[in-house]
N, C-alpha and C. Protein backbone atom coordinates (compact mmCIF):
# COMPACT_ATOMS: atom_id res chain seq x y z
N MET A 1 -19.02 -30.88 55.61
CA MET A 1 -19.58 -29.62 55.20
C MET A 1 -18.43 -28.68 54.84
N SER A 2 -18.57 -27.97 53.71
CA SER A 2 -17.48 -27.09 53.28
C SER A 2 -17.54 -25.78 54.02
N SER A 3 -16.40 -25.08 53.97
CA SER A 3 -16.32 -23.81 54.70
C SER A 3 -17.17 -22.73 54.03
N ASP A 4 -17.39 -22.86 52.69
CA ASP A 4 -18.19 -21.86 51.96
C ASP A 4 -19.65 -21.93 52.39
N GLN A 5 -20.15 -23.12 52.64
CA GLN A 5 -21.55 -23.25 53.02
C GLN A 5 -21.79 -22.84 54.47
N SER A 6 -20.76 -22.88 55.29
CA SER A 6 -20.96 -22.54 56.70
C SER A 6 -21.01 -21.03 56.92
N ARG A 7 -20.55 -20.24 55.97
CA ARG A 7 -20.60 -18.78 56.12
C ARG A 7 -21.99 -18.27 55.85
N PRO A 8 -22.36 -17.16 56.44
CA PRO A 8 -23.69 -16.60 56.17
C PRO A 8 -23.80 -16.09 54.73
N VAL A 9 -25.04 -15.97 54.26
CA VAL A 9 -25.32 -15.54 52.89
C VAL A 9 -24.81 -14.12 52.66
N SER A 10 -24.96 -13.24 53.61
CA SER A 10 -24.51 -11.86 53.44
C SER A 10 -22.99 -11.80 53.26
N GLN A 11 -22.27 -12.68 53.95
CA GLN A 11 -20.81 -12.70 53.81
C GLN A 11 -20.42 -13.18 52.42
N ARG A 12 -21.11 -14.20 51.91
CA ARG A 12 -20.82 -14.70 50.56
C ARG A 12 -21.16 -13.65 49.50
N LEU A 13 -22.24 -12.88 49.66
CA LEU A 13 -22.59 -11.81 48.72
C LEU A 13 -21.54 -10.71 48.75
N TYR A 14 -21.06 -10.38 49.92
CA TYR A 14 -20.05 -9.33 50.05
C TYR A 14 -18.76 -9.74 49.35
N ASP A 15 -18.37 -11.01 49.47
CA ASP A 15 -17.14 -11.49 48.83
C ASP A 15 -17.26 -11.52 47.31
N SER A 16 -18.45 -11.80 46.78
CA SER A 16 -18.62 -11.89 45.33
C SER A 16 -18.96 -10.54 44.69
N ALA A 17 -19.20 -9.51 45.46
CA ALA A 17 -19.55 -8.19 44.93
C ALA A 17 -18.32 -7.56 44.28
N PRO A 18 -18.53 -6.76 43.20
CA PRO A 18 -17.39 -6.10 42.56
C PRO A 18 -16.78 -5.06 43.49
N SER A 19 -15.49 -4.82 43.27
CA SER A 19 -14.80 -3.83 44.10
C SER A 19 -15.24 -2.43 43.67
N SER A 20 -14.93 -1.46 44.50
CA SER A 20 -15.31 -0.07 44.18
C SER A 20 -14.57 0.39 42.92
N ARG A 21 -13.35 -0.09 42.71
CA ARG A 21 -12.59 0.27 41.50
C ARG A 21 -13.30 -0.25 40.25
N GLN A 22 -13.77 -1.48 40.29
CA GLN A 22 -14.50 -2.05 39.16
C GLN A 22 -15.80 -1.29 38.91
N THR A 23 -16.47 -0.89 39.99
CA THR A 23 -17.72 -0.14 39.87
C THR A 23 -17.47 1.21 39.21
N VAL A 24 -16.43 1.90 39.61
CA VAL A 24 -16.11 3.21 39.02
C VAL A 24 -15.76 3.04 37.54
N LYS A 25 -14.99 1.99 37.20
CA LYS A 25 -14.66 1.74 35.80
C LYS A 25 -15.93 1.51 34.98
N PHE A 26 -16.83 0.71 35.51
CA PHE A 26 -18.07 0.42 34.80
C PHE A 26 -18.90 1.68 34.61
N LEU A 27 -19.06 2.47 35.67
CA LEU A 27 -19.86 3.70 35.56
C LEU A 27 -19.23 4.70 34.59
N THR A 28 -17.91 4.79 34.60
CA THR A 28 -17.23 5.68 33.65
C THR A 28 -17.46 5.22 32.23
N ALA A 29 -17.34 3.91 31.97
CA ALA A 29 -17.55 3.38 30.63
C ALA A 29 -18.98 3.62 30.17
N VAL A 30 -19.95 3.42 31.05
CA VAL A 30 -21.35 3.64 30.70
C VAL A 30 -21.59 5.12 30.39
N THR A 31 -21.04 6.01 31.21
CA THR A 31 -21.23 7.45 31.00
C THR A 31 -20.62 7.90 29.67
N VAL A 32 -19.38 7.50 29.42
CA VAL A 32 -18.72 7.88 28.17
C VAL A 32 -19.46 7.28 26.97
N GLY A 33 -19.84 6.01 27.06
CA GLY A 33 -20.56 5.36 25.96
C GLY A 33 -21.89 6.03 25.67
N ALA A 34 -22.63 6.36 26.71
CA ALA A 34 -23.93 7.02 26.51
C ALA A 34 -23.74 8.40 25.91
N THR A 35 -22.74 9.15 26.38
CA THR A 35 -22.48 10.48 25.83
C THR A 35 -22.12 10.40 24.35
N LEU A 36 -21.25 9.47 24.00
CA LEU A 36 -20.88 9.32 22.59
C LEU A 36 -22.05 8.86 21.74
N LEU A 37 -22.89 8.02 22.27
CA LEU A 37 -24.08 7.57 21.54
C LEU A 37 -25.03 8.74 21.29
N ILE A 38 -25.23 9.59 22.28
CA ILE A 38 -26.10 10.77 22.12
C ILE A 38 -25.50 11.72 21.09
N LEU A 39 -24.18 11.96 21.17
CA LEU A 39 -23.53 12.85 20.19
C LEU A 39 -23.62 12.27 18.78
N SER A 40 -23.51 10.97 18.66
CA SER A 40 -23.64 10.32 17.36
C SER A 40 -25.03 10.54 16.79
N GLY A 41 -26.04 10.38 17.61
CA GLY A 41 -27.42 10.61 17.16
C GLY A 41 -27.65 12.05 16.76
N LEU A 42 -27.14 13.00 17.55
CA LEU A 42 -27.28 14.42 17.21
C LEU A 42 -26.57 14.75 15.90
N THR A 43 -25.40 14.19 15.70
CA THR A 43 -24.66 14.43 14.46
C THR A 43 -25.41 13.88 13.26
N LEU A 44 -25.95 12.68 13.39
CA LEU A 44 -26.73 12.09 12.30
C LEU A 44 -27.95 12.95 11.99
N THR A 45 -28.63 13.40 13.02
CA THR A 45 -29.81 14.24 12.82
C THR A 45 -29.44 15.55 12.13
N GLY A 46 -28.36 16.18 12.58
CA GLY A 46 -27.90 17.42 11.96
C GLY A 46 -27.50 17.22 10.51
N THR A 47 -26.85 16.11 10.22
CA THR A 47 -26.44 15.82 8.84
C THR A 47 -27.65 15.63 7.94
N VAL A 48 -28.64 14.90 8.41
CA VAL A 48 -29.85 14.68 7.60
C VAL A 48 -30.57 16.01 7.37
N ILE A 49 -30.70 16.85 8.39
CA ILE A 49 -31.37 18.15 8.22
C ILE A 49 -30.59 19.02 7.24
N ALA A 50 -29.25 19.05 7.35
CA ALA A 50 -28.44 19.85 6.42
C ALA A 50 -28.57 19.33 5.00
N LEU A 51 -28.61 18.02 4.82
CA LEU A 51 -28.78 17.45 3.48
C LEU A 51 -30.13 17.81 2.89
N ILE A 52 -31.17 17.76 3.72
CA ILE A 52 -32.51 18.12 3.25
C ILE A 52 -32.54 19.59 2.83
N MET A 53 -31.89 20.45 3.59
CA MET A 53 -31.89 21.88 3.26
C MET A 53 -31.00 22.18 2.05
N ALA A 54 -29.92 21.43 1.86
CA ALA A 54 -28.98 21.70 0.77
C ALA A 54 -29.38 21.06 -0.54
N THR A 55 -30.29 20.11 -0.53
CA THR A 55 -30.66 19.41 -1.75
C THR A 55 -31.16 20.34 -2.86
N PRO A 56 -32.07 21.28 -2.58
CA PRO A 56 -32.50 22.17 -3.67
C PRO A 56 -31.34 22.99 -4.25
N VAL A 57 -30.45 23.44 -3.42
CA VAL A 57 -29.30 24.22 -3.91
C VAL A 57 -28.40 23.34 -4.77
N LEU A 58 -28.17 22.11 -4.33
CA LEU A 58 -27.34 21.20 -5.11
C LEU A 58 -27.98 20.87 -6.45
N VAL A 59 -29.31 20.71 -6.46
CA VAL A 59 -30.00 20.41 -7.72
C VAL A 59 -29.92 21.59 -8.67
N LEU A 60 -30.08 22.81 -8.14
CA LEU A 60 -30.02 24.00 -8.99
C LEU A 60 -28.62 24.21 -9.58
N PHE A 61 -27.60 23.98 -8.79
CA PHE A 61 -26.24 24.25 -9.24
C PHE A 61 -25.50 23.02 -9.77
N SER A 62 -26.16 21.88 -9.87
CA SER A 62 -25.49 20.67 -10.33
C SER A 62 -24.92 20.78 -11.74
N PRO A 63 -25.58 21.52 -12.68
CA PRO A 63 -24.94 21.65 -14.00
C PRO A 63 -23.59 22.37 -13.93
N ILE A 64 -23.35 23.11 -12.89
CA ILE A 64 -22.07 23.80 -12.74
C ILE A 64 -21.14 22.99 -11.81
N LEU A 65 -21.70 22.45 -10.73
CA LEU A 65 -20.88 21.78 -9.73
C LEU A 65 -20.28 20.46 -10.22
N VAL A 66 -21.06 19.68 -10.98
CA VAL A 66 -20.57 18.38 -11.42
C VAL A 66 -19.39 18.53 -12.37
N PRO A 67 -19.49 19.34 -13.43
CA PRO A 67 -18.29 19.51 -14.28
C PRO A 67 -17.12 20.16 -13.53
N ALA A 68 -17.43 21.10 -12.64
CA ALA A 68 -16.36 21.72 -11.87
C ALA A 68 -15.67 20.70 -10.98
N GLY A 69 -16.43 19.84 -10.35
CA GLY A 69 -15.85 18.78 -9.54
C GLY A 69 -15.01 17.83 -10.36
N PHE A 70 -15.50 17.51 -11.57
CA PHE A 70 -14.75 16.63 -12.46
C PHE A 70 -13.43 17.26 -12.88
N VAL A 71 -13.48 18.55 -13.22
CA VAL A 71 -12.26 19.26 -13.61
C VAL A 71 -11.28 19.34 -12.44
N ILE A 72 -11.78 19.63 -11.27
CA ILE A 72 -10.90 19.70 -10.10
C ILE A 72 -10.28 18.34 -9.83
N PHE A 73 -11.06 17.27 -9.97
CA PHE A 73 -10.52 15.92 -9.79
C PHE A 73 -9.41 15.64 -10.79
N LEU A 74 -9.64 15.99 -12.07
CA LEU A 74 -8.62 15.74 -13.09
C LEU A 74 -7.36 16.56 -12.84
N VAL A 75 -7.52 17.81 -12.42
CA VAL A 75 -6.36 18.65 -12.15
C VAL A 75 -5.55 18.08 -10.99
N VAL A 76 -6.22 17.70 -9.93
CA VAL A 76 -5.53 17.13 -8.76
C VAL A 76 -4.84 15.82 -9.15
N ALA A 77 -5.54 14.97 -9.90
CA ALA A 77 -4.95 13.70 -10.33
C ALA A 77 -3.74 13.96 -11.22
N GLY A 78 -3.82 14.94 -12.11
CA GLY A 78 -2.69 15.29 -12.97
C GLY A 78 -1.49 15.76 -12.18
N PHE A 79 -1.74 16.64 -11.20
CA PHE A 79 -0.62 17.11 -10.37
C PHE A 79 0.00 15.97 -9.57
N LEU A 80 -0.83 15.10 -9.02
CA LEU A 80 -0.29 13.97 -8.25
C LEU A 80 0.51 13.03 -9.14
N PHE A 81 -0.01 12.75 -10.34
CA PHE A 81 0.71 11.87 -11.27
C PHE A 81 2.02 12.51 -11.70
N SER A 82 1.96 13.79 -12.01
CA SER A 82 3.17 14.51 -12.41
C SER A 82 4.21 14.51 -11.30
N GLY A 83 3.77 14.78 -10.09
CA GLY A 83 4.68 14.76 -8.95
C GLY A 83 5.27 13.38 -8.72
N GLY A 84 4.44 12.36 -8.86
CA GLY A 84 4.92 10.99 -8.70
C GLY A 84 5.97 10.63 -9.74
N CYS A 85 5.72 11.04 -10.99
CA CYS A 85 6.71 10.77 -12.04
C CYS A 85 8.01 11.54 -11.77
N GLY A 86 7.89 12.76 -11.29
CA GLY A 86 9.08 13.54 -10.95
C GLY A 86 9.89 12.90 -9.85
N VAL A 87 9.20 12.43 -8.81
CA VAL A 87 9.90 11.76 -7.70
C VAL A 87 10.56 10.47 -8.20
N ALA A 88 9.86 9.72 -9.04
CA ALA A 88 10.44 8.49 -9.57
C ALA A 88 11.67 8.78 -10.42
N ALA A 89 11.59 9.82 -11.26
CA ALA A 89 12.73 10.17 -12.10
C ALA A 89 13.91 10.63 -11.24
N LEU A 90 13.63 11.44 -10.23
CA LEU A 90 14.69 11.91 -9.35
C LEU A 90 15.33 10.73 -8.60
N SER A 91 14.52 9.80 -8.15
CA SER A 91 15.04 8.62 -7.46
C SER A 91 15.92 7.79 -8.41
N ALA A 92 15.45 7.61 -9.64
CA ALA A 92 16.22 6.83 -10.60
C ALA A 92 17.55 7.51 -10.92
N LEU A 93 17.51 8.82 -11.12
CA LEU A 93 18.75 9.54 -11.41
C LEU A 93 19.71 9.49 -10.23
N THR A 94 19.20 9.60 -9.04
CA THR A 94 20.05 9.50 -7.84
C THR A 94 20.68 8.12 -7.75
N TRP A 95 19.88 7.07 -8.03
CA TRP A 95 20.41 5.71 -7.99
C TRP A 95 21.50 5.54 -9.04
N ILE A 96 21.25 6.03 -10.25
CA ILE A 96 22.24 5.90 -11.33
C ILE A 96 23.51 6.65 -10.97
N TYR A 97 23.38 7.84 -10.41
CA TYR A 97 24.56 8.62 -10.01
C TYR A 97 25.35 7.86 -8.95
N ASN A 98 24.66 7.32 -7.96
CA ASN A 98 25.36 6.55 -6.92
C ASN A 98 26.02 5.30 -7.50
N TYR A 99 25.38 4.67 -8.46
CA TYR A 99 25.95 3.48 -9.08
C TYR A 99 27.19 3.82 -9.88
N VAL A 100 27.11 4.92 -10.65
CA VAL A 100 28.24 5.31 -11.50
C VAL A 100 29.42 5.77 -10.65
N THR A 101 29.16 6.45 -9.54
CA THR A 101 30.25 6.92 -8.70
C THR A 101 30.79 5.83 -7.78
N GLY A 102 30.21 4.63 -7.83
CA GLY A 102 30.74 3.50 -7.07
C GLY A 102 30.27 3.42 -5.64
N LYS A 103 29.18 4.08 -5.29
CA LYS A 103 28.68 4.06 -3.91
C LYS A 103 27.83 2.83 -3.60
N CYS A 104 27.62 1.97 -4.59
CA CYS A 104 26.90 0.70 -4.43
C CYS A 104 25.50 0.89 -3.82
N PRO A 105 24.55 1.46 -4.60
CA PRO A 105 23.18 1.61 -4.09
C PRO A 105 22.49 0.26 -3.99
N PRO A 106 21.34 0.20 -3.33
CA PRO A 106 20.62 -1.07 -3.19
C PRO A 106 20.25 -1.65 -4.55
N GLY A 107 20.53 -2.92 -4.75
CA GLY A 107 20.20 -3.59 -6.01
C GLY A 107 21.34 -3.58 -7.00
N ALA A 108 22.45 -2.92 -6.69
CA ALA A 108 23.56 -2.84 -7.63
C ALA A 108 24.18 -4.22 -7.86
N GLU A 109 24.19 -5.05 -6.82
CA GLU A 109 24.76 -6.39 -6.96
C GLU A 109 23.97 -7.20 -7.98
N LYS A 110 22.67 -7.08 -7.93
CA LYS A 110 21.82 -7.82 -8.89
C LYS A 110 22.06 -7.31 -10.31
N LEU A 111 22.23 -6.01 -10.45
CA LEU A 111 22.48 -5.45 -11.78
C LEU A 111 23.83 -5.93 -12.30
N ASP A 112 24.86 -5.93 -11.46
CA ASP A 112 26.17 -6.41 -11.88
C ASP A 112 26.11 -7.89 -12.25
N TYR A 113 25.39 -8.68 -11.46
CA TYR A 113 25.25 -10.10 -11.75
C TYR A 113 24.55 -10.31 -13.09
N ALA A 114 23.47 -9.55 -13.33
CA ALA A 114 22.75 -9.68 -14.60
C ALA A 114 23.64 -9.26 -15.77
N ARG A 115 24.41 -8.19 -15.58
CA ARG A 115 25.30 -7.73 -16.65
C ARG A 115 26.36 -8.79 -16.96
N MET A 116 26.91 -9.43 -15.92
CA MET A 116 27.90 -10.48 -16.15
C MET A 116 27.28 -11.68 -16.86
N ARG A 117 26.07 -12.04 -16.47
CA ARG A 117 25.39 -13.16 -17.13
C ARG A 117 25.15 -12.87 -18.60
N ILE A 118 24.71 -11.64 -18.90
CA ILE A 118 24.46 -11.27 -20.30
C ILE A 118 25.76 -11.28 -21.09
N ALA A 119 26.84 -10.76 -20.49
CA ALA A 119 28.14 -10.76 -21.17
C ALA A 119 28.62 -12.19 -21.41
N ASP A 120 28.44 -13.09 -20.43
CA ASP A 120 28.83 -14.49 -20.61
C ASP A 120 28.03 -15.14 -21.73
N LYS A 121 26.73 -14.89 -21.75
CA LYS A 121 25.89 -15.47 -22.81
C LYS A 121 26.29 -14.92 -24.18
N ALA A 122 26.60 -13.62 -24.24
CA ALA A 122 27.02 -13.03 -25.52
C ALA A 122 28.33 -13.67 -25.98
N ARG A 123 29.27 -13.88 -25.05
CA ARG A 123 30.53 -14.53 -25.39
C ARG A 123 30.29 -15.96 -25.89
N ASP A 124 29.42 -16.70 -25.19
CA ASP A 124 29.08 -18.06 -25.61
C ASP A 124 28.45 -18.08 -27.00
N MET A 125 27.54 -17.15 -27.24
CA MET A 125 26.88 -17.10 -28.55
C MET A 125 27.88 -16.75 -29.65
N THR A 126 28.83 -15.87 -29.37
CA THR A 126 29.85 -15.51 -30.36
C THR A 126 30.70 -16.72 -30.69
N GLU A 127 31.09 -17.47 -29.66
CA GLU A 127 31.89 -18.68 -29.89
C GLU A 127 31.11 -19.71 -30.69
N ARG A 128 29.85 -19.89 -30.34
CA ARG A 128 29.02 -20.85 -31.08
C ARG A 128 28.85 -20.42 -32.54
N ALA A 129 28.67 -19.11 -32.74
CA ALA A 129 28.53 -18.61 -34.12
C ALA A 129 29.80 -18.87 -34.92
N LYS A 130 30.96 -18.65 -34.29
CA LYS A 130 32.23 -18.91 -34.98
C LYS A 130 32.36 -20.40 -35.31
N GLU A 131 32.02 -21.25 -34.31
CA GLU A 131 32.10 -22.69 -34.54
C GLU A 131 31.16 -23.11 -35.66
N TYR A 132 29.95 -22.57 -35.66
CA TYR A 132 29.00 -22.93 -36.71
C TYR A 132 29.47 -22.42 -38.06
N GLY A 133 30.05 -21.21 -38.06
CA GLY A 133 30.59 -20.68 -39.32
C GLY A 133 31.71 -21.56 -39.85
N ASN A 134 32.60 -22.00 -38.98
CA ASN A 134 33.68 -22.91 -39.40
C ASN A 134 33.10 -24.22 -39.91
N TYR A 135 32.06 -24.71 -39.22
CA TYR A 135 31.42 -25.96 -39.64
C TYR A 135 30.81 -25.82 -41.04
N VAL A 136 30.10 -24.71 -41.26
CA VAL A 136 29.48 -24.48 -42.57
C VAL A 136 30.56 -24.33 -43.65
N GLN A 137 31.63 -23.61 -43.33
CA GLN A 137 32.72 -23.42 -44.29
C GLN A 137 33.36 -24.77 -44.63
N HIS A 138 33.56 -25.60 -43.64
CA HIS A 138 34.13 -26.93 -43.85
C HIS A 138 33.21 -27.77 -44.73
N LYS A 139 31.91 -27.74 -44.46
CA LYS A 139 30.95 -28.51 -45.26
C LYS A 139 30.91 -27.98 -46.70
N ALA A 140 31.03 -26.65 -46.86
CA ALA A 140 31.02 -26.07 -48.21
C ALA A 140 32.27 -26.52 -48.98
N GLN A 141 33.41 -26.58 -48.29
CA GLN A 141 34.63 -27.04 -48.95
C GLN A 141 34.51 -28.51 -49.36
N GLU A 142 33.92 -29.32 -48.48
CA GLU A 142 33.73 -30.73 -48.81
C GLU A 142 32.81 -30.88 -50.02
N ALA A 143 31.75 -30.07 -50.07
CA ALA A 143 30.81 -30.16 -51.20
C ALA A 143 31.49 -29.72 -52.49
N THR A 144 32.35 -28.72 -52.45
CA THR A 144 33.03 -28.27 -53.68
C THR A 144 34.08 -29.28 -54.11
N GLN A 145 34.69 -29.98 -53.18
CA GLN A 145 35.68 -30.98 -53.52
C GLN A 145 35.05 -32.21 -54.16
N ARG A 146 33.84 -32.55 -53.76
CA ARG A 146 33.14 -33.69 -54.34
C ARG A 146 32.68 -33.39 -55.76
N ALA A 147 32.39 -32.18 -56.07
CA ALA A 147 31.84 -31.88 -57.37
C ALA A 147 32.86 -31.73 -58.44
């Protein structure tokens, strides 16, 4: 027979019962949850009542409010776009200034590498063009000598 079965039922219930700390946590969670649920319902009810009361006013003034809202949206979007372009230009100018003064801004190594690659390719193309020009000149001389 195990020791758990030899104990009385009341002792086993007492051991499996939640502690007072767990009980307080549970009651606090239930109280806060119920309060927030009630406040949520009251807010929803108030919002629906306000919408019902404001609908006639919105319908009457919609020929004015809709274009005004559209204009305000465009003005705000224009200011934000303008500000964004200004910040981008200022950032680019700052980067260029740092690059020119030799402060090595982020990405300068990649730019230098790309510039060297382009210069190498340009040099290679110039040499190839000279070689091809010499080849064409040589072929032209051969053709004139045969004729």
